[in-house]
Amino acid sequence: MIARLTPAALLAVFPAAAAETVEIKGRVTNQLSEEKYRAVQIVVTDRLGVELGHARPDGQGRYELKITGPRYIILKARLEGFPEALYQLDTEEIKESTKDREENRAFGELRTPTYYQNITFGAKGGVPLSLEDLLVRENPAVVKAYQAARRQKEAGDLKQAVVSLERLVQRYPDFYIGYIDLGMILAAQQENDRALEVFAQAQKLRPEHSWAYVGLGLALNNRVFRVFSG
């Protein structure tokens, strides 16, 4: 349900937020006691952490709630003694996959699109591959500052975008995506030595993730090309 981005699209602008009312249903899949099921706290937020709704499962682990929010919404499930379960939902995908939506218009009824998301505690997630996957794990204040820097970049103010991203990674030295975007802008401006330093820092933060290696290759290729062409 999460849109995947290639390294070449790292600097793409975020889609505009549009409110959409959806219903979310599912169940906790662990074989927990009735008391444990009801102890689960389910919270839905936007990507900046603003709460849109919350619920608790019944004795069989089933839950449902209706929310109105932007395209991307975050489902968080908490249970004491377990790591937080985290899911990102794309309401555009929900809308497209609801087959009876148009059929109901003919009968004067428009049902709320429904998304079914089961929750599993203790499951090991894979390495995040998309921008959305990575951002959902970040502090909302960091995401807000990062999006401001991206808007500067999209407006063509690359100098200010570099300044904003440099300040961001100085303040939050573990913010992997900030280094990636900063390095991409520097490489595009042929500031390859600085770009290599930035991508090397990103690689140290997430050695299992591919984007830092893509950036390193890009900056090295730029530097070699300038040597042979100059």
C-alpha atoms as a PDB file:
ATOM      1  CA  MET A   1       0.000   0.000   0.000  1.00  0.00           C
ATOM      2  CA  ILE A   2       3.046   2.299   0.140  1.00  0.00           C
ATOM      3  CA  ALA A   3       4.220   4.071  -2.997  1.00  0.00           C
ATOM      4  CA  ARG A   4       7.843   3.190  -3.791  1.00  0.00           C
ATOM      5  CA  LEU A   5      10.356   5.808  -4.867  1.00  0.00           C
ATOM      6  CA  THR A   6      13.511   5.208  -6.870  1.00  0.00           C
ATOM      7  CA  PRO A   7      16.756   6.988  -5.885  1.00  0.00           C
ATOM      8  CA  ALA A   8      16.318   9.288  -8.892  1.00  0.00           C
ATOM      9  CA  ALA A   9      13.054  10.525  -7.400  1.00  0.00           C
ATOM     10  CA  LEU A  10      14.481  11.362  -3.988  1.00  0.00           C
ATOM     11  CA  LEU A  11      13.922  15.071  -4.471  1.00  0.00           C
ATOM     12  CA  ALA A  12      10.341  14.825  -5.763  1.00  0.00           C
ATOM     13  CA  VAL A  13       7.800  17.093  -4.134  1.00  0.00           C
ATOM     14  CA  PHE A  14       5.302  15.632  -1.678  1.00  0.00           C
ATOM     15  CA  PRO A  15       1.751  15.198  -3.007  1.00  0.00           C
ATOM     16  CA  ALA A  16      -0.708  17.821  -1.831  1.00  0.00           C
ATOM     17  CA  ALA A  17      -2.714  16.757   1.178  1.00  0.00           C
ATOM     18  CA  ALA A  18      -6.415  16.165   0.555  1.00  0.00           C
ATOM     19  CA  ALA A  19      -8.957  15.198   3.196  1.00  0.00           C
ATOM     20  CA  GLU A  20     -10.544  11.768   2.721  1.00  0.00           C
ATOM     21  CA  THR A  21     -12.934   9.935   5.031  1.00  0.00           C
ATOM     22  CA  VAL A  22     -12.122   6.249   5.397  1.00  0.00           C
ATOM     23  CA  GLU A  23     -13.058   3.419   7.698  1.00  0.00           C
ATOM     24  CA  ILE A  24     -10.299   1.199   9.084  1.00  0.00           C
ATOM     25  CA  LYS A  25     -11.073  -2.315  10.287  1.00  0.00           C
ATOM     26  CA  GLY A  26      -8.983  -5.307  11.292  1.00  0.00           C
ATOM     27  CA  ARG A  27      -7.895  -7.457  14.166  1.00  0.00           C
ATOM     28  CA  VAL A  28      -4.859  -8.154  16.296  1.00  0.00           C
ATOM     29  CA  THR A  29      -3.499 -11.448  14.987  1.00  0.00           C
ATOM     30  CA  ASN A  30      -1.587 -12.555  18.080  1.00  0.00           C
ATOM     31  CA  GLN A  31      -3.233 -15.196  20.268  1.00  0.00           C
ATOM     32  CA  LEU A  32      -3.605 -12.897  23.249  1.00  0.00           C
ATOM     33  CA  SER A  33      -6.011 -13.104  26.149  1.00  0.00           C
ATOM     34  CA  GLU A  34      -9.244 -11.105  26.044  1.00  0.00           C
ATOM     35  CA  GLU A  35      -7.752  -8.721  28.603  1.00  0.00           C
ATOM     36  CA  LYS A  36      -4.638  -8.221  26.466  1.00  0.00           C
ATOM     37  CA  TYR A  37      -6.662  -7.525  23.334  1.00  0.00           C
ATOM     38  CA  ARG A  38      -8.543  -4.774  25.109  1.00  0.00           C
ATOM     39  CA  ALA A  39      -5.287  -3.323  26.432  1.00  0.00           C
ATOM     40  CA  VAL A  40      -4.093  -2.582  22.893  1.00  0.00           C
ATOM     41  CA  GLN A  41      -4.192   1.118  22.042  1.00  0.00           C
ATOM     42  CA  ILE A  42      -4.660   1.976  18.351  1.00  0.00           C
ATOM     43  CA  VAL A  43      -4.013   5.568  17.275  1.00  0.00           C
ATOM     44  CA  VAL A  44      -4.283   7.045  13.773  1.00  0.00           C
ATOM     45  CA  THR A  45      -2.306  10.216  12.962  1.00  0.00           C
ATOM     46  CA  ASP A  46      -1.151  12.192   9.965  1.00  0.00           C
ATOM     47  CA  ARG A  47       2.564  12.190   9.079  1.00  0.00           C
ATOM     48  CA  LEU A  48       3.244  15.106  11.421  1.00  0.00           C
ATOM     49  CA  GLY A  49       1.809  13.237  14.398  1.00  0.00           C
ATOM     50  CA  VAL A  50      -1.571  15.010  14.641  1.00  0.00           C
ATOM     51  CA  GLU A  51      -4.091  12.497  16.011  1.00  0.00           C
ATOM     52  CA  LEU A  52      -7.062  11.752  13.732  1.00  0.00           C
ATOM     53  CA  GLY A  53      -8.721   8.987  15.744  1.00  0.00           C
ATOM     54  CA  HIS A  54      -8.184   6.132  18.194  1.00  0.00           C
ATOM     55  CA  ALA A  55      -9.739   2.811  19.186  1.00  0.00           C
ATOM     56  CA  ARG A  56      -9.298  -0.339  21.293  1.00  0.00           C
ATOM     57  CA  PRO A  57     -10.031  -3.893  20.069  1.00  0.00           C
ATOM     58  CA  ASP A  58     -12.851  -5.972  21.512  1.00  0.00           C
ATOM     59  CA  GLY A  59     -12.319  -9.268  23.343  1.00  0.00           C
ATOM     60  CA  GLN A  60     -11.641 -11.079  20.054  1.00  0.00           C
ATOM     61  CA  GLY A  61      -9.057  -8.535  18.935  1.00  0.00           C
ATOM     62  CA  ARG A  62     -11.284  -6.833  16.339  1.00  0.00           C
ATOM     63  CA  TYR A  63     -11.274  -3.061  15.965  1.00  0.00           C
ATOM     64  CA  GLU A  64     -12.794  -0.414  13.704  1.00  0.00           C
ATOM     65  CA  LEU A  65     -12.717   3.372  13.467  1.00  0.00           C
ATOM     66  CA  LYS A  66     -13.573   6.098  10.964  1.00  0.00           C
ATOM     67  CA  ILE A  67     -11.295   9.052  10.311  1.00  0.00           C
ATOM     68  CA  THR A  68     -10.999  12.037   7.978  1.00  0.00           C
ATOM     69  CA  GLY A  69      -7.485  13.027   7.046  1.00  0.00           C
ATOM     70  CA  PRO A  70      -4.846  13.538   4.351  1.00  0.00           C
ATOM     71  CA  ARG A  71      -3.763  11.001   1.758  1.00  0.00           C
ATOM     72  CA  TYR A  72      -1.142   9.312   3.937  1.00  0.00           C
ATOM     73  CA  ILE A  73      -2.200   8.286   7.429  1.00  0.00           C
ATOM     74  CA  ILE A  74      -0.246   6.446  10.102  1.00  0.00           C
ATOM     75  CA  LEU A  75      -1.680   3.592  12.159  1.00  0.00           C
ATOM     76  CA  LYS A  76       0.126   2.980  15.463  1.00  0.00           C
ATOM     77  CA  ALA A  77      -0.705   0.103  17.803  1.00  0.00           C
ATOM     78  CA  ARG A  78       0.764  -0.093  21.291  1.00  0.00           C
ATOM     79  CA  LEU A  79       0.775  -2.902  23.845  1.00  0.00           C
ATOM     80  CA  GLU A  80       2.939  -2.962  26.949  1.00  0.00           C
ATOM     81  CA  GLY A  81       5.835  -5.394  26.574  1.00  0.00           C
ATOM     82  CA  PHE A  82       5.857  -5.265  22.747  1.00  0.00           C
ATOM     83  CA  PRO A  83       7.532  -2.932  20.227  1.00  0.00           C
ATOM     84  CA  GLU A  84       5.095  -0.465  18.691  1.00  0.00           C
ATOM     85  CA  ALA A  85       3.413  -1.783  15.526  1.00  0.00           C
ATOM     86  CA  LEU A  86       3.499   0.849  12.792  1.00  0.00           C
ATOM     87  CA  TYR A  87       1.662   0.964   9.456  1.00  0.00           C
ATOM     88  CA  GLN A  88       1.298   3.668   6.805  1.00  0.00           C
ATOM     89  CA  LEU A  89      -1.922   3.711   4.775  1.00  0.00           C
ATOM     90  CA  ASP A  90      -2.515   5.437   1.432  1.00  0.00           C
ATOM     91  CA  THR A  91      -6.148   6.594   1.177  1.00  0.00           C
ATOM     92  CA  GLU A  92      -5.782   6.993  -2.594  1.00  0.00           C
ATOM     93  CA  GLU A  93      -5.130   3.262  -2.823  1.00  0.00           C
ATOM     94  CA  ILE A  94      -8.107   2.631  -0.565  1.00  0.00           C
ATOM     95  CA  LYS A  95     -10.323   4.715  -2.842  1.00  0.00           C
ATOM     96  CA  GLU A  96      -9.128   2.969  -5.985  1.00  0.00           C
ATOM     97  CA  SER A  97      -9.590  -0.488  -4.495  1.00  0.00           C
ATOM     98  CA  THR A  98     -13.187   0.096  -3.312  1.00  0.00           C
ATOM     99  CA  LYS A  99     -15.115  -1.470  -6.201  1.00  0.00           C
ATOM    100  CA  ASP A 100     -18.615  -0.732  -4.958  1.00  0.00           C
ATOM    101  CA  ARG A 101     -17.950   3.015  -4.556  1.00  0.00           C
ATOM    102  CA  GLU A 102     -19.288   4.014  -7.979  1.00  0.00           C
ATOM    103  CA  GLU A 103     -22.008   1.329  -7.966  1.00  0.00           C
ATOM    104  CA  ASN A 104     -23.477   2.795  -4.791  1.00  0.00           C
ATOM    105  CA  ARG A 105     -23.880   6.213  -6.452  1.00  0.00           C
ATOM    106  CA  ALA A 106     -26.563   4.722  -8.723  1.00  0.00           C
ATOM    107  CA  PHE A 107     -28.649   3.874  -5.664  1.00  0.00           C
ATOM    108  CA  GLY A 108     -28.185   7.267  -4.052  1.00  0.00           C
ATOM    109  CA  GLU A 109     -25.725   5.904  -1.486  1.00  0.00           C
ATOM    110  CA  LEU A 110     -22.023   6.522  -1.097  1.00  0.00           C
ATOM    111  CA  ARG A 111     -20.339   4.130   1.283  1.00  0.00           C
ATOM    112  CA  THR A 112     -17.184   5.093   3.117  1.00  0.00           C
ATOM    113  CA  PRO A 113     -14.101   3.381   1.638  1.00  0.00           C
ATOM    114  CA  THR A 114     -12.884   0.677   4.026  1.00  0.00           C
ATOM    115  CA  TYR A 115      -9.287  -0.378   4.618  1.00  0.00           C
ATOM    116  CA  TYR A 116      -8.566  -3.705   6.346  1.00  0.00           C
ATOM    117  CA  GLN A 117      -5.346  -3.765   8.366  1.00  0.00           C
ATOM    118  CA  ASN A 118      -4.479  -6.630  10.684  1.00  0.00           C
ATOM    119  CA  ILE A 119      -1.998  -5.867  13.439  1.00  0.00           C
ATOM    120  CA  THR A 120       0.828  -8.166  14.464  1.00  0.00           C
ATOM    121  CA  PHE A 121       3.001  -7.452  17.469  1.00  0.00           C
ATOM    122  CA  GLY A 122       6.612  -8.600  17.494  1.00  0.00           C
ATOM    123  CA  ALA A 123       6.890  -9.014  13.717  1.00  0.00           C
ATOM    124  CA  LYS A 124      10.224  -7.968  12.236  1.00  0.00           C
ATOM    125  CA  GLY A 125       9.797  -5.462   9.432  1.00  0.00           C
ATOM    126  CA  GLY A 126      11.989  -5.335   6.349  1.00  0.00           C
ATOM    127  CA  VAL A 127      14.487  -2.628   5.513  1.00  0.00           C
ATOM    128  CA  PRO A 128      12.546   0.555   4.629  1.00  0.00           C
ATOM    129  CA  LEU A 129      12.794   1.293   0.917  1.00  0.00           C
ATOM    130  CA  SER A 130      10.625   4.352   0.354  1.00  0.00           C
ATOM    131  CA  LEU A 131      10.740   7.952   1.478  1.00  0.00           C
ATOM    132  CA  GLU A 132       7.397   7.492   3.240  1.00  0.00           C
ATOM    133  CA  ASP A 133       8.687   4.396   5.074  1.00  0.00           C
ATOM    134  CA  LEU A 134      11.622   6.354   6.425  1.00  0.00           C
ATOM    135  CA  LEU A 135       9.754   9.533   7.334  1.00  0.00           C
ATOM    136  CA  VAL A 136       7.059   7.710   9.278  1.00  0.00           C
ATOM    137  CA  ARG A 137       9.710   6.728  11.814  1.00  0.00           C
ATOM    138  CA  GLU A 138      10.940  10.278  12.369  1.00  0.00           C
ATOM    139  CA  ASN A 139      10.081  12.932  14.934  1.00  0.00           C
ATOM    140  CA  PRO A 140       7.255  15.135  13.539  1.00  0.00           C
ATOM    141  CA  ALA A 141       9.321  18.278  14.180  1.00  0.00           C
ATOM    142  CA  VAL A 142      12.125  16.871  12.016  1.00  0.00           C
ATOM    143  CA  VAL A 143       9.694  15.994   9.219  1.00  0.00           C
ATOM    144  CA  LYS A 144       8.186  19.488   9.293  1.00  0.00           C
ATOM    145  CA  ALA A 145      11.615  21.148   8.984  1.00  0.00           C
ATOM    146  CA  TYR A 146      12.612  18.704   6.252  1.00  0.00           C
ATOM    147  CA  GLN A 147       9.490  19.433   4.202  1.00  0.00           C
ATOM    148  CA  ALA A 148      10.198  23.171   4.469  1.00  0.00           C
ATOM    149  CA  ALA A 149      13.677  22.578   3.017  1.00  0.00           C
ATOM    150  CA  ARG A 150      12.208  20.528   0.174  1.00  0.00           C
ATOM    151  CA  ARG A 151       9.771  23.314  -0.663  1.00  0.00           C
ATOM    152  CA  GLN A 152      12.743  25.671  -0.973  1.00  0.00           C
ATOM    153  CA  LYS A 153      14.395  23.230  -3.327  1.00  0.00           C
ATOM    154  CA  GLU A 154      11.263  22.838  -5.448  1.00  0.00           C
ATOM    155  CA  ALA A 155      10.946  26.637  -5.654  1.00  0.00           C
ATOM    156  CA  GLY A 156      14.459  26.738  -7.145  1.00  0.00           C
ATOM    157  CA  ASP A 157      16.131  28.303  -4.097  1.00  0.00           C
ATOM    158  CA  LEU A 158      18.896  25.702  -3.914  1.00  0.00           C
ATOM    159  CA  LYS A 159      21.234  27.914  -1.898  1.00  0.00           C
ATOM    160  CA  GLN A 160      18.690  28.312   0.884  1.00  0.00           C
ATOM    161  CA  ALA A 161      17.725  24.635   0.662  1.00  0.00           C
ATOM    162  CA  VAL A 162      21.362  23.674   1.261  1.00  0.00           C
ATOM    163  CA  VAL A 163      21.544  26.023   4.246  1.00  0.00           C
ATOM    164  CA  SER A 164      18.316  24.600   5.694  1.00  0.00           C
ATOM    165  CA  LEU A 165      19.412  20.979   5.219  1.00  0.00           C
ATOM    166  CA  GLU A 166      22.848  21.675   6.718  1.00  0.00           C
ATOM    167  CA  ARG A 167      21.200  23.191   9.781  1.00  0.00           C
ATOM    168  CA  LEU A 168      18.816  20.250   9.971  1.00  0.00           C
ATOM    169  CA  VAL A 169      21.507  17.565  10.005  1.00  0.00           C
ATOM    170  CA  GLN A 170      23.605  19.595  12.433  1.00  0.00           C
ATOM    171  CA  ARG A 171      20.677  19.721  14.834  1.00  0.00           C
ATOM    172  CA  TYR A 172      19.579  16.128  14.137  1.00  0.00           C
ATOM    173  CA  PRO A 173      22.782  14.253  13.200  1.00  0.00           C
ATOM    174  CA  ASP A 174      20.947  10.927  12.872  1.00  0.00           C
ATOM    175  CA  PHE A 175      18.514  12.196  10.207  1.00  0.00           C
ATOM    176  CA  TYR A 176      19.496   9.966   7.293  1.00  0.00           C
ATOM    177  CA  ILE A 177      17.177  11.456   4.660  1.00  0.00           C
ATOM    178  CA  GLY A 178      18.474  14.958   5.341  1.00  0.00           C
ATOM    179  CA  TYR A 179      21.984  13.861   4.368  1.00  0.00           C
ATOM    180  CA  ILE A 180      20.650  12.173   1.211  1.00  0.00           C
ATOM    181  CA  ASP A 181      18.802  15.265  -0.019  1.00  0.00           C
ATOM    182  CA  LEU A 182      21.697  17.548   0.899  1.00  0.00           C
ATOM    183  CA  GLY A 183      24.156  15.322  -0.940  1.00  0.00           C
ATOM    184  CA  MET A 184      21.956  15.154  -4.031  1.00  0.00           C
ATOM    185  CA  ILE A 185      21.779  18.948  -4.283  1.00  0.00           C
ATOM    186  CA  LEU A 186      25.540  19.282  -3.767  1.00  0.00           C
ATOM    187  CA  ALA A 187      26.228  16.647  -6.428  1.00  0.00           C
ATOM    188  CA  ALA A 188      23.874  18.406  -8.859  1.00  0.00           C
ATOM    189  CA  GLN A 189      25.866  21.601  -8.269  1.00  0.00           C
ATOM    190  CA  GLN A 190      29.131  19.714  -8.882  1.00  0.00           C
ATOM    191  CA  GLU A 191      30.267  20.229  -5.282  1.00  0.00           C
ATOM    192  CA  ASN A 192      31.388  16.626  -5.339  1.00  0.00           C
ATOM    193  CA  ASP A 193      33.897  16.625  -2.473  1.00  0.00           C
ATOM    194  CA  ARG A 194      31.275  17.973  -0.077  1.00  0.00           C
ATOM    195  CA  ALA A 195      28.700  15.572  -1.495  1.00  0.00           C
ATOM    196  CA  LEU A 196      31.016  12.615  -0.872  1.00  0.00           C
ATOM    197  CA  GLU A 197      31.432  13.645   2.765  1.00  0.00           C
ATOM    198  CA  VAL A 198      27.664  13.946   3.207  1.00  0.00           C
ATOM    199  CA  PHE A 199      26.888  10.598   1.547  1.00  0.00           C
ATOM    200  CA  ALA A 200      29.626   8.900   3.590  1.00  0.00           C
ATOM    201  CA  GLN A 201      27.929  10.129   6.766  1.00  0.00           C
ATOM    202  CA  ALA A 202      24.585   8.818   5.514  1.00  0.00           C
ATOM    203  CA  GLN A 203      26.178   5.444   4.743  1.00  0.00           C
ATOM    204  CA  LYS A 204      27.434   5.184   8.315  1.00  0.00           C
ATOM    205  CA  LEU A 205      23.928   5.836   9.633  1.00  0.00           C
ATOM    206  CA  ARG A 206      22.226   3.196   7.460  1.00  0.00           C
ATOM    207  CA  PRO A 207      24.789   0.840   5.936  1.00  0.00           C
ATOM    208  CA  GLU A 208      21.986  -1.534   4.900  1.00  0.00           C
ATOM    209  CA  HIS A 209      20.182   1.080   2.793  1.00  0.00           C
ATOM    210  CA  SER A 210      21.003   1.714  -0.878  1.00  0.00           C
ATOM    211  CA  TRP A 211      20.519   5.468  -1.297  1.00  0.00           C
ATOM    212  CA  ALA A 212      23.812   6.522   0.292  1.00  0.00           C
ATOM    213  CA  TYR A 213      25.700   4.162  -2.045  1.00  0.00           C
ATOM    214  CA  VAL A 214      23.821   5.563  -5.058  1.00  0.00           C
ATOM    215  CA  GLY A 215      24.818   9.068  -3.967  1.00  0.00           C
ATOM    216  CA  LEU A 216      28.445   8.085  -3.463  1.00  0.00           C
ATOM    217  CA  GLY A 217      28.524   6.582  -6.944  1.00  0.00           C
ATOM    218  CA  LEU A 218      26.980   9.701  -8.449  1.00  0.00           C
ATOM    219  CA  ALA A 219      29.460  12.086  -6.801  1.00  0.00           C
ATOM    220  CA  LEU A 220      32.447   9.876  -7.698  1.00  0.00           C
ATOM    221  CA  ASN A 221      31.250   9.621 -11.292  1.00  0.00           C
ATOM    222  CA  ASN A 222      30.899  13.407 -11.458  1.00  0.00           C
ATOM    223  CA  ARG A 223      34.422  13.894 -10.152  1.00  0.00           C
ATOM    224  CA  VAL A 224      35.968  11.384 -12.594  1.00  0.00           C
ATOM    225  CA  PHE A 225      34.062  12.897 -15.519  1.00  0.00           C
ATOM    226  CA  ARG A 226      35.339  16.384 -14.677  1.00  0.00           C
ATOM    227  CA  VAL A 227      38.926  15.111 -14.541  1.00  0.00           C
ATOM    228  CA  PHE A 228      38.717  13.472 -17.976  1.00  0.00           C
ATOM    229  CA  SER A 229      36.730  16.292 -19.565  1.00  0.00           C
ATOM    230  CA  GLY A 230      38.784  19.140 -18.118  1.00  0.00           C
END
